[in-house]
């Protein structure tokens, strides 16, 4: 079970890093925010939070 929790933590970190990169692209003005880019940012933030929550609250069988 520890491997699954570790994997979910790494996945949450990866999603958070990608969301920060996406936000950085918006801040420096490299790309303008569009619906797809903002939706991607929101999805990455939600995925990061969900993976982190799942890593701390494992399902019991």
N, C-alpha and C. Protein backbone atom coordinates (compact mmCIF):
# COMPACT_ATOMS: atom_id res chain seq x y z
N UNK A 1 0.82 -1.19 0.00
CA UNK A 1 0.00 0.00 0.00
C UNK A 1 0.87 1.26 0.00
N UNK A 2 2.03 1.18 0.56
CA UNK A 2 2.93 2.32 0.63
C UNK A 2 3.36 2.78 -0.76
N UNK A 3 3.54 1.83 -1.69
CA UNK A 3 3.94 2.18 -3.06
C UNK A 3 2.87 3.02 -3.74
N UNK A 4 1.62 2.67 -3.54
CA UNK A 4 0.53 3.43 -4.15
C UNK A 4 0.49 4.85 -3.58
N UNK A 5 0.68 4.99 -2.29
CA UNK A 5 0.67 6.32 -1.68
C UNK A 5 1.84 7.16 -2.17
N UNK A 6 3.00 6.55 -2.31
CA UNK A 6 4.17 7.26 -2.81
C UNK A 6 3.95 7.70 -4.26
N UNK A 7 3.38 6.81 -5.07
CA UNK A 7 3.09 7.14 -6.47
C UNK A 7 2.11 8.32 -6.56
N UNK A 8 1.07 8.31 -5.73
CA UNK A 8 0.10 9.40 -5.75
C UNK A 8 0.71 10.71 -5.31
N UNK A 9 1.63 10.66 -4.35
CA UNK A 9 2.32 11.90 -3.92
C UNK A 9 3.18 12.46 -5.05
N UNK A 10 3.91 11.58 -5.74
CA UNK A 10 4.73 12.03 -6.86
C UNK A 10 3.86 12.59 -7.99
N UNK A 11 2.73 11.95 -8.25
CA UNK A 11 1.82 12.42 -9.27
C UNK A 11 1.23 13.78 -8.89
N UNK A 12 0.90 13.98 -7.62
CA UNK A 12 0.40 15.26 -7.16
C UNK A 12 1.47 16.34 -7.33
N UNK A 13 2.71 16.01 -7.02
CA UNK A 13 3.81 16.97 -7.19
C UNK A 13 4.02 17.31 -8.65
N UNK A 14 3.96 16.30 -9.52
CA UNK A 14 4.12 16.53 -10.95
C UNK A 14 3.02 17.45 -11.49
N UNK A 15 1.79 17.20 -11.10
CA UNK A 15 0.69 18.06 -11.54
C UNK A 15 0.86 19.48 -11.02
N UNK A 16 1.32 19.63 -9.79
CA UNK A 16 1.53 20.97 -9.23
C UNK A 16 2.63 21.72 -9.97
N UNK A 17 3.70 21.02 -10.33
CA UNK A 17 4.80 21.64 -11.07
C UNK A 17 4.32 22.06 -12.45
N UNK A 18 3.56 21.20 -13.12
CA UNK A 18 3.05 21.56 -14.44
C UNK A 18 2.07 22.73 -14.37
N UNK A 19 1.26 22.79 -13.32
CA UNK A 19 0.34 23.92 -13.14
C UNK A 19 1.12 25.21 -12.89
N UNK A 20 2.20 25.13 -12.11
CA UNK A 20 3.03 26.31 -11.86
C UNK A 20 3.70 26.78 -13.15
N UNK A 21 4.13 25.86 -13.98
CA UNK A 21 4.72 26.22 -15.26
C UNK A 21 3.69 26.91 -16.15
N UNK A 22 2.49 26.37 -16.19
CA UNK A 22 1.41 26.96 -16.97
C UNK A 22 1.09 28.37 -16.47
N UNK A 23 1.04 28.55 -15.18
CA UNK A 23 0.79 29.87 -14.60
C UNK A 23 1.94 30.82 -14.93
N UNK A 24 3.16 30.32 -14.90
CA UNK A 24 4.31 31.14 -15.25
C UNK A 24 4.26 31.61 -16.70
N UNK A 25 3.79 30.75 -17.59
CA UNK A 25 3.64 31.13 -19.00
C UNK A 25 2.65 32.28 -19.13
N UNK A 26 1.57 32.22 -18.34
CA UNK A 26 0.59 33.31 -18.38
C UNK A 26 1.17 34.60 -17.81
N UNK A 27 1.91 34.48 -16.71
CA UNK A 27 2.43 35.67 -16.04
C UNK A 27 3.45 36.40 -16.89
N UNK A 28 4.37 35.67 -17.52
CA UNK A 28 5.38 36.36 -18.32
C UNK A 28 4.86 36.77 -19.68
N UNK A 29 3.68 36.31 -20.04
CA UNK A 29 3.05 36.74 -21.28
C UNK A 29 3.49 36.00 -22.52
N UNK A 30 4.06 34.82 -22.36
CA UNK A 30 4.50 34.04 -23.52
C UNK A 30 3.31 33.62 -24.37
N UNK A 31 2.24 33.20 -23.72
CA UNK A 31 1.00 32.83 -24.40
C UNK A 31 -0.16 33.53 -23.69
N UNK A 32 -1.14 33.93 -24.47
CA UNK A 32 -2.35 34.53 -23.89
C UNK A 32 -3.24 33.43 -23.34
N UNK A 33 -3.94 33.73 -22.23
CA UNK A 33 -4.87 32.74 -21.70
C UNK A 33 -6.03 32.51 -22.68
N UNK A 34 -6.28 31.27 -22.98
CA UNK A 34 -7.43 30.88 -23.79
C UNK A 34 -8.25 29.90 -22.97
N UNK A 35 -9.40 29.54 -23.48
CA UNK A 35 -10.25 28.61 -22.74
C UNK A 35 -9.53 27.29 -22.46
N UNK A 36 -8.87 26.76 -23.48
CA UNK A 36 -8.18 25.48 -23.32
C UNK A 36 -7.02 25.54 -22.34
N UNK A 37 -6.26 26.62 -22.38
CA UNK A 37 -5.11 26.75 -21.46
C UNK A 37 -5.57 26.94 -20.02
N UNK A 38 -6.62 27.74 -19.84
CA UNK A 38 -7.14 27.93 -18.48
C UNK A 38 -7.78 26.64 -17.97
N UNK A 39 -8.47 25.92 -18.83
CA UNK A 39 -9.07 24.64 -18.44
C UNK A 39 -7.99 23.64 -18.05
N UNK A 40 -6.88 23.66 -18.78
CA UNK A 40 -5.76 22.78 -18.44
C UNK A 40 -5.19 23.14 -17.08
N UNK A 41 -5.03 24.41 -16.81
CA UNK A 41 -4.52 24.86 -15.52
C UNK A 41 -5.45 24.41 -14.39
N UNK A 42 -6.74 24.61 -14.58
CA UNK A 42 -7.72 24.21 -13.55
C UNK A 42 -7.70 22.70 -13.35
N UNK A 43 -7.63 21.95 -14.44
CA UNK A 43 -7.59 20.49 -14.34
C UNK A 43 -6.34 20.01 -13.60
N UNK A 44 -5.20 20.65 -13.86
CA UNK A 44 -3.96 20.26 -13.17
C UNK A 44 -4.03 20.56 -11.68
N UNK A 45 -4.61 21.70 -11.33
CA UNK A 45 -4.74 22.05 -9.91
C UNK A 45 -5.68 21.06 -9.21
N UNK A 46 -6.79 20.74 -9.85
CA UNK A 46 -7.74 19.78 -9.26
C UNK A 46 -7.11 18.39 -9.16
N UNK A 47 -6.40 17.97 -10.19
CA UNK A 47 -5.75 16.65 -10.17
C UNK A 47 -4.69 16.58 -9.08
N UNK A 48 -3.95 17.65 -8.91
CA UNK A 48 -2.93 17.67 -7.87
C UNK A 48 -3.55 17.54 -6.49
N UNK A 49 -4.61 18.30 -6.25
CA UNK A 49 -5.29 18.23 -4.95
C UNK A 49 -5.91 16.86 -4.73
N UNK A 50 -6.52 16.29 -5.77
CA UNK A 50 -7.16 14.98 -5.63
C UNK A 50 -6.13 13.88 -5.36
N UNK A 51 -5.01 13.91 -6.07
CA UNK A 51 -3.97 12.90 -5.84
C UNK A 51 -3.37 13.02 -4.45
N UNK A 52 -3.18 14.24 -4.00
CA UNK A 52 -2.65 14.43 -2.65
C UNK A 52 -3.64 13.94 -1.60
N UNK A 53 -4.92 14.22 -1.81
CA UNK A 53 -5.93 13.76 -0.87
C UNK A 53 -6.01 12.24 -0.85
N UNK A 54 -5.97 11.62 -2.04
CA UNK A 54 -6.03 10.16 -2.11
C UNK A 54 -4.80 9.51 -1.48
N UNK A 55 -3.65 10.17 -1.55
CA UNK A 55 -2.45 9.59 -0.95
C UNK A 55 -2.52 9.62 0.58
N UNK A 56 -3.29 10.56 1.12
CA UNK A 56 -3.39 10.65 2.58
C UNK A 56 -4.58 9.87 3.14
N UNK A 57 -5.55 9.55 2.28
CA UNK A 57 -6.74 8.82 2.71
C UNK A 57 -6.91 7.58 1.84
N UNK A 58 -6.14 6.54 2.09
CA UNK A 58 -6.24 5.34 1.24
C UNK A 58 -7.57 4.63 1.46
N UNK A 59 -8.05 4.02 0.37
CA UNK A 59 -9.29 3.24 0.46
C UNK A 59 -9.02 1.94 1.19
N UNK A 60 -9.99 1.52 1.98
CA UNK A 60 -9.87 0.25 2.68
C UNK A 60 -10.74 -0.77 1.99
N UNK A 61 -10.22 -1.96 1.82
CA UNK A 61 -10.98 -3.04 1.15
C UNK A 61 -11.55 -3.97 2.16
